[in-house]
N, C-alpha and C. Protein backbone atom coordinates (compact mmCIF):
# COMPACT_ATOMS: atom_id res chain seq x y z
N MET A 1 9.10 -9.82 5.84
CA MET A 1 9.34 -8.37 5.07
C MET A 1 9.83 -7.37 5.70
N PHE A 2 10.02 -7.43 6.73
CA PHE A 2 10.71 -6.46 7.50
C PHE A 2 11.80 -6.69 8.30
N PRO A 3 13.29 -6.07 7.97
CA PRO A 3 14.39 -6.55 8.56
C PRO A 3 14.35 -6.59 10.37
N GLU A 4 14.48 -8.00 11.27
CA GLU A 4 14.51 -7.34 12.20
C GLU A 4 14.74 -6.39 13.43
N TYR A 5 15.88 -5.71 12.38
CA TYR A 5 17.12 -4.62 12.79
C TYR A 5 16.10 -3.55 12.82
N TRP A 6 15.18 -3.65 12.05
CA TRP A 6 14.34 -2.14 11.52
C TRP A 6 12.80 -2.26 12.12
N GLU A 7 12.52 -3.33 12.59
CA GLU A 7 11.36 -3.67 13.64
C GLU A 7 11.83 -3.11 15.02
N ARG A 8 12.71 -3.38 15.36
CA ARG A 8 13.41 -3.28 16.80
C ARG A 8 13.53 -1.70 16.62
N PHE A 9 14.28 -1.16 15.73
CA PHE A 9 14.51 0.72 15.73
C PHE A 9 13.51 1.19 15.93
N VAL A 10 12.20 0.78 15.37
CA VAL A 10 10.98 1.78 14.92
C VAL A 10 10.33 1.41 16.42
N GLN A 11 9.99 0.22 16.97
CA GLN A 11 9.68 -0.59 18.41
C GLN A 11 10.44 0.42 19.69
N ASP A 12 11.17 0.47 19.79
CA ASP A 12 12.49 0.93 20.97
C ASP A 12 12.09 2.32 20.39
N ASN A 13 12.41 3.25 19.25
CA ASN A 13 12.32 4.40 19.36
C ASN A 13 10.69 5.17 19.37
N LYS A 14 9.39 3.94 19.09
CA LYS A 14 8.13 4.52 18.85
C LYS A 14 7.88 5.36 18.10
N LEU A 15 8.01 5.13 17.11
CA LEU A 15 8.27 5.95 15.50
C LEU A 15 7.07 5.61 14.59
N VAL A 16 6.47 4.61 15.25
CA VAL A 16 4.70 4.33 14.12
C VAL A 16 4.19 5.42 14.31
N GLY A 17 3.19 6.16 13.20
CA GLY A 17 3.02 7.14 13.30
C GLY A 17 3.42 8.37 13.88
N ILE A 18 4.52 8.40 14.07
CA ILE A 18 5.18 10.30 14.27
C ILE A 18 5.35 10.30 12.78
N ASN A 19 5.05 11.80 12.92
CA ASN A 19 5.82 12.69 11.97
C ASN A 19 7.36 13.11 11.92
N ILE A 20 7.67 13.43 10.81
CA ILE A 20 9.53 13.95 10.67
C ILE A 20 9.74 14.81 9.64
N GLU A 21 10.12 15.98 9.88
CA GLU A 21 10.54 16.92 8.88
C GLU A 21 12.21 16.94 9.22
N ILE A 22 12.64 16.98 8.14
CA ILE A 22 13.84 17.22 7.59
C ILE A 22 13.96 18.30 6.36
N ASP A 23 14.97 19.15 7.36
CA ASP A 23 15.17 20.17 6.61
C ASP A 23 16.29 20.08 5.47
N GLU A 24 16.00 20.78 3.88
CA GLU A 24 16.62 20.67 2.58
C GLU A 24 18.55 20.85 3.44
N ALA A 25 18.46 21.39 3.58
CA ALA A 25 20.24 21.28 4.15
C ALA A 25 20.61 19.83 4.62
N SER A 26 19.50 19.08 5.43
CA SER A 26 20.02 18.23 6.36
C SER A 26 19.89 16.82 5.37
N ASP A 27 18.51 16.95 4.34
CA ASP A 27 18.11 16.19 3.56
C ASP A 27 19.74 16.03 2.04
N LEU A 28 19.79 14.73 1.82
CA LEU A 28 20.75 14.92 0.93
C LEU A 28 20.50 14.90 -0.38
N SER A 29 19.06 14.59 -0.53
CA SER A 29 18.30 14.96 -1.95
C SER A 29 18.46 16.62 -2.28
N GLY A 30 18.26 17.64 -1.12
CA GLY A 30 18.51 18.71 -0.98
C GLY A 30 16.69 19.36 -1.03
N LEU A 31 15.95 18.38 -1.19
CA LEU A 31 14.42 18.33 -1.22
C LEU A 31 13.78 19.15 -0.21
N GLY A 32 14.01 18.46 0.69
CA GLY A 32 13.42 18.77 2.22
C GLY A 32 12.32 17.49 2.68
N VAL A 33 12.18 16.58 3.84
CA VAL A 33 11.24 16.04 3.83
C VAL A 33 10.50 16.10 5.14
N ASP A 34 8.98 16.04 4.62
CA ASP A 34 8.05 15.96 5.43
C ASP A 34 7.14 14.40 5.61
N LEU A 35 7.13 13.62 6.41
CA LEU A 35 7.32 12.08 6.01
C LEU A 35 6.34 11.66 7.06
N LYS A 36 5.28 10.64 7.71
CA LYS A 36 4.88 10.36 8.45
C LYS A 36 5.10 8.62 8.45
N MET A 37 5.99 8.34 9.40
CA MET A 37 6.09 6.26 9.77
C MET A 37 5.10 5.57 9.30
N LEU A 38 5.30 5.15 9.10
CA LEU A 38 4.13 3.72 8.53
C LEU A 38 4.04 2.34 9.98
N SER A 39 2.83 2.14 9.74
CA SER A 39 2.90 0.77 10.41
C SER A 39 3.50 -0.52 9.68
N SER A 40 3.64 -1.56 10.15
CA SER A 40 3.83 -2.59 9.34
C SER A 40 2.61 -3.10 8.32
N GLU A 41 1.24 -3.11 9.01
CA GLU A 41 0.30 -3.10 8.08
C GLU A 41 0.26 -2.22 6.73
N GLU A 42 0.72 -0.95 6.58
CA GLU A 42 0.48 0.17 5.88
C GLU A 42 1.45 -0.09 4.71
N SER A 43 3.08 -0.36 5.37
CA SER A 43 4.08 -0.85 4.76
C SER A 43 3.95 -1.93 3.94
N ILE A 44 3.04 -3.15 4.46
CA ILE A 44 2.82 -4.32 3.58
C ILE A 44 1.48 -3.78 2.63
N ASP A 45 0.93 -3.15 2.62
CA ASP A 45 0.01 -2.53 2.12
C ASP A 45 0.53 -2.23 0.69
N GLU A 46 1.78 -1.06 1.09
CA GLU A 46 2.57 -0.07 -0.21
C GLU A 46 3.33 -1.31 -0.69
N ALA A 47 3.84 -2.17 -0.33
CA ALA A 47 5.22 -2.62 -1.39
C ALA A 47 3.74 -4.37 -1.65
N THR A 48 2.12 -4.49 -1.37
CA THR A 48 2.05 -5.52 -2.23
C THR A 48 0.78 -5.01 -3.17
N ASN A 49 0.35 -3.71 -2.88
CA ASN A 49 -0.89 -3.49 -3.40
C ASN A 49 -0.61 -2.38 -4.29
N CYS A 50 0.07 -1.45 -4.74
CA CYS A 50 0.82 -0.06 -4.82
C CYS A 50 2.17 -0.30 -5.23
N TYR A 51 2.23 1.11 -6.57
CA TYR A 51 3.66 1.51 -6.97
C TYR A 51 4.12 2.67 -6.34
N PRO A 52 5.06 3.21 -6.47
CA PRO A 52 6.59 1.62 -6.91
C PRO A 52 6.37 0.03 -6.25
N GLY A 53 5.85 0.52 -5.33
CA GLY A 53 6.37 -0.85 -3.81
C GLY A 53 5.85 -2.10 -4.29
N ILE A 54 5.37 -2.27 -5.22
CA ILE A 54 5.27 -3.57 -6.18
C ILE A 54 6.67 -3.70 -6.72
N ILE A 55 6.94 -2.98 -7.30
CA ILE A 55 8.36 -2.88 -8.35
C ILE A 55 9.52 -3.10 -7.55
N VAL A 56 9.83 -1.97 -6.49
CA VAL A 56 10.97 -2.21 -5.95
C VAL A 56 11.52 -2.73 -4.82
N SER A 57 9.79 -3.60 -4.37
CA SER A 57 10.14 -4.75 -3.78
C SER A 57 10.70 -5.93 -3.70
N LYS A 58 11.18 -5.90 -4.76
CA LYS A 58 11.34 -7.27 -5.57
C LYS A 58 13.52 -6.52 -5.62
N LYS A 59 13.61 -5.88 -5.65
CA LYS A 59 14.78 -5.54 -5.40
C LYS A 59 15.62 -5.11 -3.39
N GLN A 60 14.60 -5.85 -2.80
CA GLN A 60 14.50 -5.48 -1.47
C GLN A 60 14.38 -4.21 -0.81
N TYR A 61 13.94 -3.15 -1.36
CA TYR A 61 13.21 -2.19 -0.53
C TYR A 61 12.05 -1.77 -0.06
N VAL A 62 12.07 -1.31 1.04
CA VAL A 62 10.80 -1.93 2.24
C VAL A 62 10.57 -0.74 2.12
N PRO A 63 8.83 -0.11 2.10
CA PRO A 63 8.42 1.00 2.68
C PRO A 63 8.56 0.99 3.89
N VAL A 64 8.97 2.21 4.44
CA VAL A 64 8.88 2.73 5.72
C VAL A 64 8.23 3.92 6.18
N ALA A 65 7.94 4.66 5.74
CA ALA A 65 7.23 6.10 5.84
C ALA A 65 6.99 7.02 4.19
N SER A 66 5.32 7.40 4.01
CA SER A 66 4.59 7.99 3.38
C SER A 66 4.84 9.69 3.19
N CYS A 67 4.59 10.40 2.32
CA CYS A 67 5.21 11.84 2.27
C CYS A 67 3.95 12.71 2.80
N LEU A 68 4.06 13.22 3.36
CA LEU A 68 3.29 14.52 3.73
C LEU A 68 2.88 15.72 3.27
N GLU A 69 3.95 15.93 2.11
CA GLU A 69 3.51 16.74 1.42
C GLU A 69 2.96 16.81 0.17
N GLY A 70 2.22 15.65 -0.35
CA GLY A 70 1.39 15.40 -1.58
C GLY A 70 2.36 14.91 -2.33
N SER A 71 3.36 14.37 -2.92
CA SER A 71 4.02 14.26 -3.78
C SER A 71 3.35 12.78 -3.94
N GLY A 72 3.18 11.95 -2.96
CA GLY A 72 2.83 10.54 -3.69
C GLY A 72 3.99 9.72 -3.56
N ASP A 73 5.20 10.00 -3.58
CA ASP A 73 6.82 9.35 -3.03
C ASP A 73 6.88 9.21 -1.85
N TRP A 74 7.07 7.56 -1.68
CA TRP A 74 7.19 7.38 -0.16
C TRP A 74 8.47 7.04 -0.48
N TYR A 75 8.92 6.73 0.86
CA TYR A 75 10.62 6.68 1.77
C TYR A 75 11.09 5.16 2.29
N TYR A 76 12.09 4.50 1.86
CA TYR A 76 12.25 3.21 2.24
C TYR A 76 13.70 2.79 2.96
N ILE A 77 13.75 1.72 3.12
CA ILE A 77 15.13 1.24 3.59
C ILE A 77 15.65 0.29 2.39
N ASN A 78 16.46 -0.84 2.27
CA ASN A 78 16.51 -1.30 1.50
C ASN A 78 17.52 -2.87 2.45
N SER A 79 17.28 -3.50 2.74
CA SER A 79 17.16 -4.72 3.19
C SER A 79 19.20 -5.02 2.70
N LEU A 80 19.13 -5.08 1.75
CA LEU A 80 20.33 -5.40 1.33
C LEU A 80 21.85 -4.47 2.09
N ASP A 81 21.09 -3.41 2.78
CA ASP A 81 21.85 -1.98 2.99
C ASP A 81 22.21 -2.79 4.77
N GLY A 82 21.14 -3.76 5.20
CA GLY A 82 21.76 -4.29 6.53
C GLY A 82 21.16 -3.03 7.76
N ALA A 83 21.84 -3.22 8.77
CA ALA A 83 21.37 -2.42 10.09
C ALA A 83 21.98 -1.08 9.61
N LEU A 84 21.22 -0.21 10.32
CA LEU A 84 21.95 1.50 9.90
C LEU A 84 22.00 1.29 8.44
N GLY A 85 21.76 1.52 7.72
CA GLY A 85 21.41 1.28 6.29
C GLY A 85 20.77 3.09 6.09
N PRO A 86 20.63 3.66 4.63
CA PRO A 86 20.26 4.26 4.29
C PRO A 86 19.02 4.64 3.88
N LEU A 87 18.55 5.64 3.90
CA LEU A 87 16.98 6.39 3.76
C LEU A 87 16.75 6.90 2.15
N TYR A 88 15.96 6.42 1.67
CA TYR A 88 15.32 6.54 0.64
C TYR A 88 14.29 7.10 0.15
N ARG A 89 14.01 8.00 -0.79
CA ARG A 89 12.49 9.03 -1.69
C ARG A 89 12.77 7.90 -2.89
N ILE A 90 11.41 7.24 -3.49
CA ILE A 90 11.55 6.97 -4.73
C ILE A 90 10.51 7.52 -5.43
N ASN A 91 10.77 8.52 -6.46
CA ASN A 91 9.43 8.26 -6.86
C ASN A 91 9.20 8.09 -7.86
N HIS A 92 7.68 8.20 -7.35
CA HIS A 92 6.64 7.29 -8.00
C HIS A 92 6.48 7.69 -9.22
N ASP A 93 7.02 8.59 -9.79
CA ASP A 93 6.72 8.76 -11.57
C ASP A 93 7.96 8.10 -12.26
N SER A 94 8.95 7.31 -11.02
CA SER A 94 10.25 6.43 -12.03
C SER A 94 9.51 4.59 -12.60
N VAL A 95 8.07 5.04 -12.29
CA VAL A 95 7.69 3.50 -12.40
C VAL A 95 6.56 3.46 -13.54
N GLU A 96 6.92 3.12 -14.35
CA GLU A 96 6.39 2.77 -15.92
C GLU A 96 5.54 1.05 -15.99
N GLY A 97 4.46 0.51 -15.98
CA GLY A 97 3.89 -0.61 -15.92
C GLY A 97 4.75 -1.41 -14.81
N ASP A 98 5.62 -2.28 -15.07
CA ASP A 98 6.70 -3.53 -14.93
C ASP A 98 7.86 -2.99 -15.06
N ASN A 99 8.06 -1.55 -15.75
CA ASN A 99 9.70 -1.10 -15.65
C ASN A 99 9.99 0.06 -14.56
N PHE A 100 11.08 0.03 -14.05
CA PHE A 100 11.71 0.69 -13.13
C PHE A 100 12.96 1.57 -13.35
N ASP A 101 12.69 2.95 -13.11
CA ASP A 101 14.09 3.71 -13.78
C ASP A 101 15.00 4.24 -12.49
N ASP A 102 16.23 3.01 -11.89
CA ASP A 102 16.70 3.80 -10.91
C ASP A 102 17.12 4.96 -10.86
N ASP A 103 16.88 5.96 -11.49
CA ASP A 103 17.40 7.48 -11.55
C ASP A 103 16.57 7.70 -10.12
N GLY A 104 14.92 7.27 -10.20
CA GLY A 104 13.95 7.96 -9.63
C GLY A 104 14.28 7.18 -7.76
N ILE A 105 15.59 6.68 -7.19
CA ILE A 105 16.27 6.73 -5.87
C ILE A 105 16.88 7.37 -5.46
N GLU A 106 16.47 8.18 -4.64
CA GLU A 106 17.17 9.49 -3.94
C GLU A 106 17.66 9.29 -2.53
N LEU A 107 18.45 9.55 -2.27
CA LEU A 107 19.38 9.28 -1.18
C LEU A 107 19.04 10.22 -0.24
N VAL A 108 18.33 10.15 1.26
CA VAL A 108 18.29 11.01 1.84
C VAL A 108 18.68 11.32 3.12
N LEU A 109 19.40 9.90 3.84
CA LEU A 109 19.88 9.94 4.79
C LEU A 109 20.93 8.95 4.93
N ASN A 110 22.07 9.46 5.20
CA ASN A 110 23.07 8.25 5.47
C ASN A 110 23.20 7.03 6.01
N CYS A 111 21.66 7.42 7.09
CA CYS A 111 21.51 6.13 8.45
C CYS A 111 20.15 6.63 8.80
N TYR A 112 19.44 5.50 8.44
CA TYR A 112 17.96 5.79 8.78
C TYR A 112 18.07 5.82 10.08
N GLU A 113 18.93 5.48 10.82
CA GLU A 113 18.93 6.02 12.38
C GLU A 113 18.93 8.07 12.71
N GLU A 114 18.78 8.80 11.95
CA GLU A 114 18.83 9.86 11.69
C GLU A 114 17.61 10.35 12.08
N LEU A 115 16.76 9.41 11.74
CA LEU A 115 15.17 9.84 11.65
C LEU A 115 14.82 10.35 13.38
N THR A 116 15.61 9.85 14.39
CA THR A 116 15.15 10.17 15.50
C THR A 116 15.26 11.59 15.99
N SER A 117 16.63 12.00 15.51
CA SER A 117 16.85 13.16 15.66
C SER A 117 16.07 14.37 14.79
N TYR A 118 14.76 13.76 14.31
CA TYR A 118 14.20 14.81 13.48
C TYR A 118 12.80 14.82 13.81
N ALA A 119 12.49 13.52 14.67
CA ALA A 119 11.31 12.80 15.10
C ALA A 119 10.68 14.16 15.65
N ARG A 120 9.24 14.35 15.85
CA ARG A 120 8.51 15.26 17.01
C ARG A 120 7.12 14.65 17.28
N PRO A 121 7.16 14.49 18.85
CA PRO A 121 5.94 13.61 19.19
C PRO A 121 3.82 14.31 18.38
């Protein structure tokens, strides 16, 4: 499920369980971010047992972080983007049954590696 480049990135930067805040000006969606990086077990759970993970994983989105602000929205990479791809927020309200509205996908960072500059131990 996880691209090798993502696993290497998370391991090399010791990101599992780390909280990351991105201010509104730096978040490309303009909302601001307060997230927690997921372990592989948490990611698999989100992708296989929860919505929108079940639906968007069919489009190669991989859950990588959860929201700490209580929105219920999760953060994803897309394995089709390859190494150094974007970080996305997927609005959980954009899923209805087995249908997903692509308008619910928001670009947060152009390159997920930017997460390291916002991480706090």
